[in-house]
Amino acid sequence: MSTSTSVYNYQEINNQNIMPEAEILGYVLALLVGASLGLIGSGGSILAVPILVYIFSIDPVIATAYSLFIVGSTSLVGGLKNAFQKNVDFKTAVIFGLPSIASLYVARLLVIPFIPDVLFTWEDFVFSKAIFLMVLFAAVMIVASISMIRPCEDCLSDEASGERKIAYNYPVILLTGLGVGLLTGLVGAGGGFLIIPALVFFAKMPMKLAVGTSLFIISLNSLLGFAGYALSGVVINWHFLTLFTALAIVGIWLGILLSKKIKGSNLKTAFGWFVMTMGTYILVKELLL
């Protein structure tokens, strides 16, 4: 089980355990992390965590924390751009964001530290915390892929009408916020694939407004979650993290430019199938290989 023995050396990101070709590929894929956020408003963390774990050999617990900074910083850039274009509803961001931030801190500070390093063993198989987090992450990927592949008729009709009459379903928005925060804290996923459908279906937002608001919520959740991790006194490789994040930010600008030329629904479906393939691969790798 690769992730159970894949321990990250904070000071040696360029050590002999990482092939130069793999390292270059990892940095190139950092562009894709940002591009997915720029194109469809989600998917950044779904790509970031596997890249950090399988290419840079970072322990999954640390990778989920690094993902919070990468996705949070990148989403903030996209969120600010959408804010200037008046594609962010700040009232919804607050209603959704506050409960999600609270549950995120519960997950990072109370849940993850109390998960035992080894959950159970069966013959030669050791189900460790690292494997558990990756299996959970893979399950999240597969659920996310289904929501991406499935057509969203409400998204299309709302976008075509251009209406922005928002109907606040406070209980549903609050509960969804709690769930997204918990998920973000556990697996480092910003939850855009959950936030966007929730805003479209429960707040009756047009797609562009939902994407912009989602990016702002993701940035707040992720950066505050990472701040809690950083303040705990752990050693952080800022050189590596800053470089990866900078490339992801370049990627989000590329994604925003491409979004003007590529039909969003087609891209969302294709990305959904890619995410499902990745999630299935992670499950097989962690549980069977």
C-alpha atoms as a PDB file:
ATOM      1  CA  MET A   1       0.000   0.000   0.000  1.00  0.00           C
ATOM      2  CA  SER A   2       1.982   2.926  -1.285  1.00  0.00           C
ATOM      3  CA  THR A   3       0.555   5.747   0.790  1.00  0.00           C
ATOM      4  CA  SER A   4       1.033   3.936   4.071  1.00  0.00           C
ATOM      5  CA  THR A   5       4.820   4.009   3.505  1.00  0.00           C
ATOM      6  CA  SER A   6       4.966   7.228   1.518  1.00  0.00           C
ATOM      7  CA  VAL A   7       6.486   9.649   4.020  1.00  0.00           C
ATOM      8  CA  TYR A   8       7.283  13.162   2.897  1.00  0.00           C
ATOM      9  CA  ASN A   9      10.629  14.727   3.818  1.00  0.00           C
ATOM     10  CA  TYR A  10       9.839  18.410   4.343  1.00  0.00           C
ATOM     11  CA  GLN A  11      13.354  19.585   3.533  1.00  0.00           C
ATOM     12  CA  GLU A  12      14.036  17.446   0.456  1.00  0.00           C
ATOM     13  CA  ILE A  13      11.299  17.902  -2.115  1.00  0.00           C
ATOM     14  CA  ASN A  14      13.970  17.399  -4.795  1.00  0.00           C
ATOM     15  CA  ASN A  15      15.506  14.308  -3.295  1.00  0.00           C
ATOM     16  CA  GLN A  16      16.524  11.154  -5.123  1.00  0.00           C
ATOM     17  CA  ASN A  17      13.171   9.498  -4.429  1.00  0.00           C
ATOM     18  CA  ILE A  18      11.448  11.745  -6.962  1.00  0.00           C
ATOM     19  CA  MET A  19      12.433  11.340 -10.606  1.00  0.00           C
ATOM     20  CA  PRO A  20      13.115  14.682 -12.346  1.00  0.00           C
ATOM     21  CA  GLU A  21      10.624  13.778 -15.083  1.00  0.00           C
ATOM     22  CA  ALA A  22       7.928  13.070 -12.491  1.00  0.00           C
ATOM     23  CA  GLU A  23       8.659  16.340 -10.710  1.00  0.00           C
ATOM     24  CA  ILE A  24       8.337  18.306 -13.963  1.00  0.00           C
ATOM     25  CA  LEU A  25       5.082  16.473 -14.721  1.00  0.00           C
ATOM     26  CA  GLY A  26       3.802  17.383 -11.262  1.00  0.00           C
ATOM     27  CA  TYR A  27       4.453  21.071 -11.803  1.00  0.00           C
ATOM     28  CA  VAL A  28       2.839  20.950 -15.237  1.00  0.00           C
ATOM     29  CA  LEU A  29      -0.226  19.327 -13.682  1.00  0.00           C
ATOM     30  CA  ALA A  30      -0.332  22.196 -11.179  1.00  0.00           C
ATOM     31  CA  LEU A  31      -1.510  24.303 -14.124  1.00  0.00           C
ATOM     32  CA  LEU A  32      -4.378  21.842 -14.577  1.00  0.00           C
ATOM     33  CA  VAL A  33      -5.398  22.297 -10.925  1.00  0.00           C
ATOM     34  CA  GLY A  34      -5.958  26.005 -11.540  1.00  0.00           C
ATOM     35  CA  ALA A  35      -7.419  25.504 -15.000  1.00  0.00           C
ATOM     36  CA  SER A  36     -10.185  23.276 -13.642  1.00  0.00           C
ATOM     37  CA  LEU A  37     -11.169  25.989 -11.156  1.00  0.00           C
ATOM     38  CA  GLY A  38     -11.154  28.623 -13.887  1.00  0.00           C
ATOM     39  CA  LEU A  39     -13.169  26.495 -16.289  1.00  0.00           C
ATOM     40  CA  ILE A  40     -15.852  24.925 -14.091  1.00  0.00           C
ATOM     41  CA  GLY A  41     -15.371  26.444 -10.622  1.00  0.00           C
ATOM     42  CA  SER A  42     -14.448  23.145  -8.964  1.00  0.00           C
ATOM     43  CA  GLY A  43     -12.145  20.155  -9.227  1.00  0.00           C
ATOM     44  CA  GLY A  44      -8.928  21.820  -8.043  1.00  0.00           C
ATOM     45  CA  SER A  45      -8.457  19.762  -4.898  1.00  0.00           C
ATOM     46  CA  ILE A  46      -9.640  16.608  -6.645  1.00  0.00           C
ATOM     47  CA  LEU A  47      -6.537  16.954  -8.813  1.00  0.00           C
ATOM     48  CA  ALA A  48      -4.179  18.523  -6.252  1.00  0.00           C
ATOM     49  CA  VAL A  49      -4.274  15.766  -3.624  1.00  0.00           C
ATOM     50  CA  PRO A  50      -3.441  12.846  -5.982  1.00  0.00           C
ATOM     51  CA  ILE A  51      -0.653  14.915  -7.580  1.00  0.00           C
ATOM     52  CA  LEU A  52       0.867  15.686  -4.178  1.00  0.00           C
ATOM     53  CA  VAL A  53       0.534  12.098  -2.948  1.00  0.00           C
ATOM     54  CA  TYR A  54       1.468  10.037  -6.005  1.00  0.00           C
ATOM     55  CA  ILE A  55       3.924  12.318  -7.828  1.00  0.00           C
ATOM     56  CA  PHE A  56       5.605  14.231  -4.993  1.00  0.00           C
ATOM     57  CA  SER A  57       5.292  11.376  -2.441  1.00  0.00           C
ATOM     58  CA  ILE A  58       3.687  13.593   0.197  1.00  0.00           C
ATOM     59  CA  ASP A  59       1.892  11.858   3.046  1.00  0.00           C
ATOM     60  CA  PRO A  60      -1.914  12.100   2.532  1.00  0.00           C
ATOM     61  CA  VAL A  61      -2.500  13.899   5.851  1.00  0.00           C
ATOM     62  CA  ILE A  62      -0.013  16.605   4.854  1.00  0.00           C
ATOM     63  CA  ALA A  63      -1.235  16.617   1.235  1.00  0.00           C
ATOM     64  CA  THR A  64      -4.787  17.464   2.312  1.00  0.00           C
ATOM     65  CA  ALA A  65      -3.442  20.447   4.275  1.00  0.00           C
ATOM     66  CA  TYR A  66      -1.243  21.629   1.385  1.00  0.00           C
ATOM     67  CA  SER A  67      -4.236  21.282  -0.914  1.00  0.00           C
ATOM     68  CA  LEU A  68      -6.146  23.735   1.269  1.00  0.00           C
ATOM     69  CA  PHE A  69      -3.511  26.420   0.673  1.00  0.00           C
ATOM     70  CA  ILE A  70      -3.137  25.699  -3.054  1.00  0.00           C
ATOM     71  CA  VAL A  71      -6.855  25.601  -3.815  1.00  0.00           C
ATOM     72  CA  GLY A  72      -7.666  28.425  -1.392  1.00  0.00           C
ATOM     73  CA  SER A  73      -5.135  30.816  -2.892  1.00  0.00           C
ATOM     74  CA  THR A  74      -6.074  29.932  -6.457  1.00  0.00           C
ATOM     75  CA  SER A  75      -9.802  30.218  -5.756  1.00  0.00           C
ATOM     76  CA  LEU A  76      -9.272  33.603  -4.113  1.00  0.00           C
ATOM     77  CA  VAL A  77      -7.778  34.952  -7.343  1.00  0.00           C
ATOM     78  CA  GLY A  78     -10.728  33.606  -9.332  1.00  0.00           C
ATOM     79  CA  GLY A  79     -13.198  34.810  -6.707  1.00  0.00           C
ATOM     80  CA  LEU A  80     -11.826  38.358  -6.743  1.00  0.00           C
ATOM     81  CA  LYS A  81     -11.998  38.463 -10.520  1.00  0.00           C
ATOM     82  CA  ASN A  82     -15.625  37.340 -10.406  1.00  0.00           C
ATOM     83  CA  ALA A  83     -16.344  39.880  -7.666  1.00  0.00           C
ATOM     84  CA  PHE A  84     -15.149  42.706  -9.905  1.00  0.00           C
ATOM     85  CA  GLN A  85     -17.485  41.357 -12.600  1.00  0.00           C
ATOM     86  CA  LYS A  86     -20.343  41.275 -10.033  1.00  0.00           C
ATOM     87  CA  ASN A  87     -20.565  37.496 -10.225  1.00  0.00           C
ATOM     88  CA  VAL A  88     -20.319  36.926  -6.452  1.00  0.00           C
ATOM     89  CA  ASP A  89     -23.266  37.022  -4.039  1.00  0.00           C
ATOM     90  CA  PHE A  90     -21.622  37.913  -0.729  1.00  0.00           C
ATOM     91  CA  LYS A  91     -24.755  37.333   1.362  1.00  0.00           C
ATOM     92  CA  THR A  92     -24.863  33.712   0.226  1.00  0.00           C
ATOM     93  CA  ALA A  93     -21.109  33.388   0.758  1.00  0.00           C
ATOM     94  CA  VAL A  94     -21.561  34.391   4.406  1.00  0.00           C
ATOM     95  CA  ILE A  95     -24.643  32.186   4.999  1.00  0.00           C
ATOM     96  CA  PHE A  96     -22.887  29.210   3.441  1.00  0.00           C
ATOM     97  CA  GLY A  97     -19.365  30.003   4.592  1.00  0.00           C
ATOM     98  CA  LEU A  98     -19.711  30.477   8.354  1.00  0.00           C
ATOM     99  CA  PRO A  99     -21.080  27.005   9.193  1.00  0.00           C
ATOM    100  CA  SER A 100     -18.656  25.376   6.750  1.00  0.00           C
ATOM    101  CA  ILE A 101     -15.688  27.126   8.402  1.00  0.00           C
ATOM    102  CA  ALA A 102     -16.867  25.905  11.821  1.00  0.00           C
ATOM    103  CA  SER A 103     -17.200  22.282  10.710  1.00  0.00           C
ATOM    104  CA  LEU A 104     -13.870  22.492   8.841  1.00  0.00           C
ATOM    105  CA  TYR A 105     -12.067  23.364  12.068  1.00  0.00           C
ATOM    106  CA  VAL A 106     -13.840  20.545  13.875  1.00  0.00           C
ATOM    107  CA  ALA A 107     -12.577  18.117  11.222  1.00  0.00           C
ATOM    108  CA  ARG A 108      -8.964  19.376  11.175  1.00  0.00           C
ATOM    109  CA  LEU A 109      -8.487  19.928  14.903  1.00  0.00           C
ATOM    110  CA  LEU A 110     -10.731  17.307  16.487  1.00  0.00           C
ATOM    111  CA  VAL A 111     -11.483  14.511  14.019  1.00  0.00           C
ATOM    112  CA  ILE A 112      -8.246  13.891  12.068  1.00  0.00           C
ATOM    113  CA  PRO A 113      -5.892  13.890  15.117  1.00  0.00           C
ATOM    114  CA  PHE A 114      -8.044  11.236  16.807  1.00  0.00           C
ATOM    115  CA  ILE A 115      -8.123   8.852  13.839  1.00  0.00           C
ATOM    116  CA  PRO A 116      -5.697   6.057  14.815  1.00  0.00           C
ATOM    117  CA  ASP A 117      -2.627   5.468  12.626  1.00  0.00           C
ATOM    118  CA  VAL A 118      -3.856   1.907  12.036  1.00  0.00           C
ATOM    119  CA  LEU A 119      -7.612   1.353  11.913  1.00  0.00           C
ATOM    120  CA  PHE A 120      -7.485  -2.426  11.455  1.00  0.00           C
ATOM    121  CA  THR A 121      -5.399  -5.244  10.008  1.00  0.00           C
ATOM    122  CA  TRP A 122      -6.503  -8.298   8.075  1.00  0.00           C
ATOM    123  CA  GLU A 123      -3.826 -10.895   7.389  1.00  0.00           C
ATOM    124  CA  ASP A 124      -1.098  -8.894   5.576  1.00  0.00           C
ATOM    125  CA  PHE A 125      -3.358  -5.913   4.857  1.00  0.00           C
ATOM    126  CA  VAL A 126      -2.959  -2.855   7.091  1.00  0.00           C
ATOM    127  CA  PHE A 127      -5.741  -0.276   6.814  1.00  0.00           C
ATOM    128  CA  SER A 128      -3.898   2.844   7.974  1.00  0.00           C
ATOM    129  CA  LYS A 129      -5.025   6.430   8.440  1.00  0.00           C
ATOM    130  CA  ALA A 130      -3.271   7.344   5.169  1.00  0.00           C
ATOM    131  CA  ILE A 131      -5.159   4.665   3.246  1.00  0.00           C
ATOM    132  CA  PHE A 132      -8.435   5.635   4.932  1.00  0.00           C
ATOM    133  CA  LEU A 133      -8.060   9.278   3.847  1.00  0.00           C
ATOM    134  CA  MET A 134      -7.223   8.313   0.266  1.00  0.00           C
ATOM    135  CA  VAL A 135     -10.143   5.864   0.072  1.00  0.00           C
ATOM    136  CA  LEU A 136     -12.453   8.556   1.451  1.00  0.00           C
ATOM    137  CA  PHE A 137     -11.040  10.997  -1.061  1.00  0.00           C
ATOM    138  CA  ALA A 138     -11.588   8.521  -3.912  1.00  0.00           C
ATOM    139  CA  ALA A 139     -15.207   8.059  -2.821  1.00  0.00           C
ATOM    140  CA  VAL A 140     -15.641  11.845  -2.861  1.00  0.00           C
ATOM    141  CA  MET A 141     -14.143  11.945  -6.369  1.00  0.00           C
ATOM    142  CA  ILE A 142     -16.604   9.364  -7.659  1.00  0.00           C
ATOM    143  CA  VAL A 143     -19.593  11.170  -6.128  1.00  0.00           C
ATOM    144  CA  ALA A 144     -18.285  14.431  -7.591  1.00  0.00           C
ATOM    145  CA  SER A 145     -17.849  12.870 -11.021  1.00  0.00           C
ATOM    146  CA  ILE A 146     -21.480  11.750 -11.078  1.00  0.00           C
ATOM    147  CA  SER A 147     -22.675  15.305 -10.381  1.00  0.00           C
ATOM    148  CA  MET A 148     -20.374  16.561 -13.155  1.00  0.00           C
ATOM    149  CA  ILE A 149     -21.443  13.973 -15.726  1.00  0.00           C
ATOM    150  CA  ARG A 150     -25.159  14.355 -15.031  1.00  0.00           C
ATOM    151  CA  PRO A 151     -26.650  17.235 -17.064  1.00  0.00           C
ATOM    152  CA  CYS A 152     -27.961  20.179 -15.071  1.00  0.00           C
ATOM    153  CA  GLU A 153     -31.071  21.467 -16.835  1.00  0.00           C
ATOM    154  CA  ASP A 154     -31.667  24.146 -14.190  1.00  0.00           C
ATOM    155  CA  CYS A 155     -28.143  25.495 -14.766  1.00  0.00           C
ATOM    156  CA  LEU A 156     -28.778  25.896 -18.471  1.00  0.00           C
ATOM    157  CA  SER A 157     -32.230  27.432 -18.138  1.00  0.00           C
ATOM    158  CA  ASP A 158     -31.160  29.872 -15.428  1.00  0.00           C
ATOM    159  CA  GLU A 159     -28.109  30.918 -17.406  1.00  0.00           C
ATOM    160  CA  ALA A 160     -30.139  31.464 -20.540  1.00  0.00           C
ATOM    161  CA  SER A 161     -32.687  33.587 -18.761  1.00  0.00           C
ATOM    162  CA  GLY A 162     -30.026  35.728 -17.103  1.00  0.00           C
ATOM    163  CA  GLU A 163     -32.240  36.196 -14.056  1.00  0.00           C
ATOM    164  CA  ARG A 164     -30.698  36.674 -10.645  1.00  0.00           C
ATOM    165  CA  LYS A 165     -33.672  36.351  -8.324  1.00  0.00           C
ATOM    166  CA  ILE A 166     -32.175  34.406  -5.449  1.00  0.00           C
ATOM    167  CA  ALA A 167     -34.493  32.399  -3.183  1.00  0.00           C
ATOM    168  CA  TYR A 168     -32.724  31.671   0.098  1.00  0.00           C
ATOM    169  CA  ASN A 169     -33.471  28.243   1.540  1.00  0.00           C
ATOM    170  CA  TYR A 170     -31.601  28.938   4.777  1.00  0.00           C
ATOM    171  CA  PRO A 171     -31.838  25.482   6.444  1.00  0.00           C
ATOM    172  CA  VAL A 172     -30.596  23.667   3.337  1.00  0.00           C
ATOM    173  CA  ILE A 173     -27.816  26.190   2.684  1.00  0.00           C
ATOM    174  CA  LEU A 174     -26.658  25.974   6.319  1.00  0.00           C
ATOM    175  CA  LEU A 175     -26.693  22.162   6.345  1.00  0.00           C
ATOM    176  CA  THR A 176     -24.862  21.971   3.028  1.00  0.00           C
ATOM    177  CA  GLY A 177     -22.295  24.416   4.392  1.00  0.00           C
ATOM    178  CA  LEU A 178     -21.703  22.189   7.410  1.00  0.00           C
ATOM    179  CA  GLY A 179     -21.261  19.146   5.186  1.00  0.00           C
ATOM    180  CA  VAL A 180     -18.890  20.886   2.795  1.00  0.00           C
ATOM    181  CA  GLY A 181     -16.766  22.188   5.679  1.00  0.00           C
ATOM    182  CA  LEU A 182     -16.475  18.722   7.189  1.00  0.00           C
ATOM    183  CA  LEU A 183     -15.486  17.291   3.820  1.00  0.00           C
ATOM    184  CA  THR A 184     -12.951  20.071   3.223  1.00  0.00           C
ATOM    185  CA  GLY A 185     -11.353  19.463   6.592  1.00  0.00           C
ATOM    186  CA  LEU A 186     -11.082  15.697   6.170  1.00  0.00           C
ATOM    187  CA  VAL A 187      -9.867  15.340   2.600  1.00  0.00           C
ATOM    188  CA  GLY A 188      -8.703  18.812   1.602  1.00  0.00           C
ATOM    189  CA  ALA A 189     -11.423  19.167  -1.018  1.00  0.00           C
ATOM    190  CA  GLY A 190     -12.858  22.641  -1.449  1.00  0.00           C
ATOM    191  CA  GLY A 191     -16.251  21.191  -2.254  1.00  0.00           C
ATOM    192  CA  GLY A 192     -17.061  23.235  -5.346  1.00  0.00           C
ATOM    193  CA  PHE A 193     -18.804  20.238  -6.888  1.00  0.00           C
ATOM    194  CA  LEU A 194     -21.194  20.320  -3.905  1.00  0.00           C
ATOM    195  CA  ILE A 195     -21.422  24.088  -3.498  1.00  0.00           C
ATOM    196  CA  ILE A 196     -22.345  24.886  -7.113  1.00  0.00           C
ATOM    197  CA  PRO A 197     -25.305  22.460  -7.361  1.00  0.00           C
ATOM    198  CA  ALA A 198     -26.498  23.615  -3.923  1.00  0.00           C
ATOM    199  CA  LEU A 199     -26.456  27.267  -5.007  1.00  0.00           C
ATOM    200  CA  VAL A 200     -28.151  26.486  -8.323  1.00  0.00           C
ATOM    201  CA  PHE A 201     -30.868  24.223  -6.927  1.00  0.00           C
ATOM    202  CA  PHE A 202     -31.482  25.698  -3.466  1.00  0.00           C
ATOM    203  CA  ALA A 203     -30.713  29.396  -4.012  1.00  0.00           C
ATOM    204  CA  LYS A 204     -31.888  29.460  -7.658  1.00  0.00           C
ATOM    205  CA  MET A 205     -28.662  31.110  -8.809  1.00  0.00           C
ATOM    206  CA  PRO A 206     -27.648  31.343 -12.472  1.00  0.00           C
ATOM    207  CA  MET A 207     -24.534  29.275 -13.216  1.00  0.00           C
ATOM    208  CA  LYS A 208     -22.021  32.115 -13.564  1.00  0.00           C
ATOM    209  CA  LEU A 209     -23.082  33.648 -10.246  1.00  0.00           C
ATOM    210  CA  ALA A 210     -22.929  30.228  -8.575  1.00  0.00           C
ATOM    211  CA  VAL A 211     -19.393  29.604  -9.892  1.00  0.00           C
ATOM    212  CA  GLY A 212     -18.139  33.009  -8.723  1.00  0.00           C
ATOM    213  CA  THR A 213     -19.754  32.660  -5.292  1.00  0.00           C
ATOM    214  CA  SER A 214     -18.436  29.100  -5.004  1.00  0.00           C
ATOM    215  CA  LEU A 215     -14.861  30.235  -5.642  1.00  0.00           C
ATOM    216  CA  PHE A 216     -15.163  32.811  -2.876  1.00  0.00           C
ATOM    217  CA  ILE A 217     -16.561  30.249  -0.414  1.00  0.00           C
ATOM    218  CA  ILE A 218     -13.852  27.723  -1.351  1.00  0.00           C
ATOM    219  CA  SER A 219     -11.115  30.326  -0.819  1.00  0.00           C
ATOM    220  CA  LEU A 220     -12.414  31.276   2.646  1.00  0.00           C
ATOM    221  CA  ASN A 221     -12.870  27.666   3.745  1.00  0.00           C
ATOM    222  CA  SER A 222      -9.546  26.460   2.435  1.00  0.00           C
ATOM    223  CA  LEU A 223      -7.312  29.331   3.561  1.00  0.00           C
ATOM    224  CA  LEU A 224      -8.800  29.450   7.057  1.00  0.00           C
ATOM    225  CA  GLY A 225      -8.460  25.676   7.292  1.00  0.00           C
ATOM    226  CA  PHE A 226      -4.809  25.876   6.269  1.00  0.00           C
ATOM    227  CA  ALA A 227      -4.205  28.710   8.739  1.00  0.00           C
ATOM    228  CA  GLY A 228      -5.316  26.442  11.563  1.00  0.00           C
ATOM    229  CA  TYR A 229      -2.921  23.767  10.305  1.00  0.00           C
ATOM    230  CA  ALA A 230      -0.012  26.200   9.975  1.00  0.00           C
ATOM    231  CA  LEU A 231      -0.569  27.673  13.452  1.00  0.00           C
ATOM    232  CA  SER A 232      -0.292  24.203  14.977  1.00  0.00           C
ATOM    233  CA  GLY A 233       3.500  24.514  14.649  1.00  0.00           C
ATOM    234  CA  VAL A 234       4.151  21.985  11.849  1.00  0.00           C
ATOM    235  CA  VAL A 235       7.043  22.488   9.428  1.00  0.00           C
ATOM    236  CA  ILE A 236       5.868  23.679   6.007  1.00  0.00           C
ATOM    237  CA  ASN A 237       7.947  23.608   2.833  1.00  0.00           C
ATOM    238  CA  TRP A 238       7.025  27.105   1.662  1.00  0.00           C
ATOM    239  CA  HIS A 239       9.331  27.018  -1.354  1.00  0.00           C
ATOM    240  CA  PHE A 240       7.552  24.020  -2.834  1.00  0.00           C
ATOM    241  CA  LEU A 241       4.094  25.157  -1.764  1.00  0.00           C
ATOM    242  CA  THR A 242       4.540  28.670  -3.175  1.00  0.00           C
ATOM    243  CA  LEU A 243       5.854  27.375  -6.508  1.00  0.00           C
ATOM    244  CA  PHE A 244       3.018  24.882  -6.914  1.00  0.00           C
ATOM    245  CA  THR A 245       0.439  27.504  -5.954  1.00  0.00           C
ATOM    246  CA  ALA A 246       1.894  30.096  -8.343  1.00  0.00           C
ATOM    247  CA  LEU A 247       1.560  27.631 -11.224  1.00  0.00           C
ATOM    248  CA  ALA A 248      -2.022  26.839 -10.201  1.00  0.00           C
ATOM    249  CA  ILE A 249      -2.814  30.568 -10.234  1.00  0.00           C
ATOM    250  CA  VAL A 250      -1.415  30.803 -13.767  1.00  0.00           C
ATOM    251  CA  GLY A 251      -3.655  27.845 -14.563  1.00  0.00           C
ATOM    252  CA  ILE A 252      -6.815  29.561 -13.318  1.00  0.00           C
ATOM    253  CA  TRP A 253      -6.168  32.508 -15.628  1.00  0.00           C
ATOM    254  CA  LEU A 254      -5.715  30.079 -18.516  1.00  0.00           C
ATOM    255  CA  GLY A 255      -8.932  28.357 -17.493  1.00  0.00           C
ATOM    256  CA  ILE A 256     -10.839  31.642 -17.401  1.00  0.00           C
ATOM    257  CA  LEU A 257      -9.592  32.468 -20.900  1.00  0.00           C
ATOM    258  CA  LEU A 258     -10.472  29.003 -22.214  1.00  0.00           C
ATOM    259  CA  SER A 259     -13.931  29.140 -20.642  1.00  0.00           C
ATOM    260  CA  LYS A 260     -14.817  31.852 -23.147  1.00  0.00           C
ATOM    261  CA  LYS A 261     -14.103  29.479 -26.042  1.00  0.00           C
ATOM    262  CA  ILE A 262     -15.202  26.064 -24.739  1.00  0.00           C
ATOM    263  CA  LYS A 263     -18.804  25.103 -24.043  1.00  0.00           C
ATOM    264  CA  GLY A 264     -19.009  24.645 -20.284  1.00  0.00           C
ATOM    265  CA  SER A 265     -21.448  21.721 -20.297  1.00  0.00           C
ATOM    266  CA  ASN A 266     -19.228  19.625 -22.598  1.00  0.00           C
ATOM    267  CA  LEU A 267     -16.131  20.396 -20.566  1.00  0.00           C
ATOM    268  CA  LYS A 268     -17.903  19.597 -17.293  1.00  0.00           C
ATOM    269  CA  THR A 269     -18.971  16.175 -18.607  1.00  0.00           C
ATOM    270  CA  ALA A 270     -15.504  15.301 -19.927  1.00  0.00           C
ATOM    271  CA  PHE A 271     -13.895  16.372 -16.669  1.00  0.00           C
ATOM    272  CA  GLY A 272     -16.442  14.279 -14.774  1.00  0.00           C
ATOM    273  CA  TRP A 273     -15.397  11.120 -16.603  1.00  0.00           C
ATOM    274  CA  PHE A 274     -11.738  11.943 -15.938  1.00  0.00           C
ATOM    275  CA  VAL A 275     -12.435  12.393 -12.217  1.00  0.00           C
ATOM    276  CA  MET A 276     -14.358   9.094 -12.076  1.00  0.00           C
ATOM    277  CA  THR A 277     -11.414   7.299 -13.709  1.00  0.00           C
ATOM    278  CA  MET A 278      -8.991   8.864 -11.224  1.00  0.00           C
ATOM    279  CA  GLY A 279     -11.195   7.973  -8.248  1.00  0.00           C
ATOM    280  CA  THR A 280     -11.526   4.366  -9.393  1.00  0.00           C
ATOM    281  CA  TYR A 281      -7.755   4.141  -9.905  1.00  0.00           C
ATOM    282  CA  ILE A 282      -7.077   5.401  -6.364  1.00  0.00           C
ATOM    283  CA  LEU A 283      -9.514   2.871  -4.865  1.00  0.00           C
ATOM    284  CA  VAL A 284      -7.878   0.004  -6.765  1.00  0.00           C
ATOM    285  CA  LYS A 285      -4.356   1.198  -5.931  1.00  0.00           C
ATOM    286  CA  GLU A 286      -5.007   1.626  -2.213  1.00  0.00           C
ATOM    287  CA  LEU A 287      -7.130  -1.467  -1.592  1.00  0.00           C
ATOM    288  CA  LEU A 288      -5.945  -4.059  -4.111  1.00  0.00           C
ATOM    289  CA  LEU A 289      -2.393  -3.285  -5.222  1.00  0.00           C
END
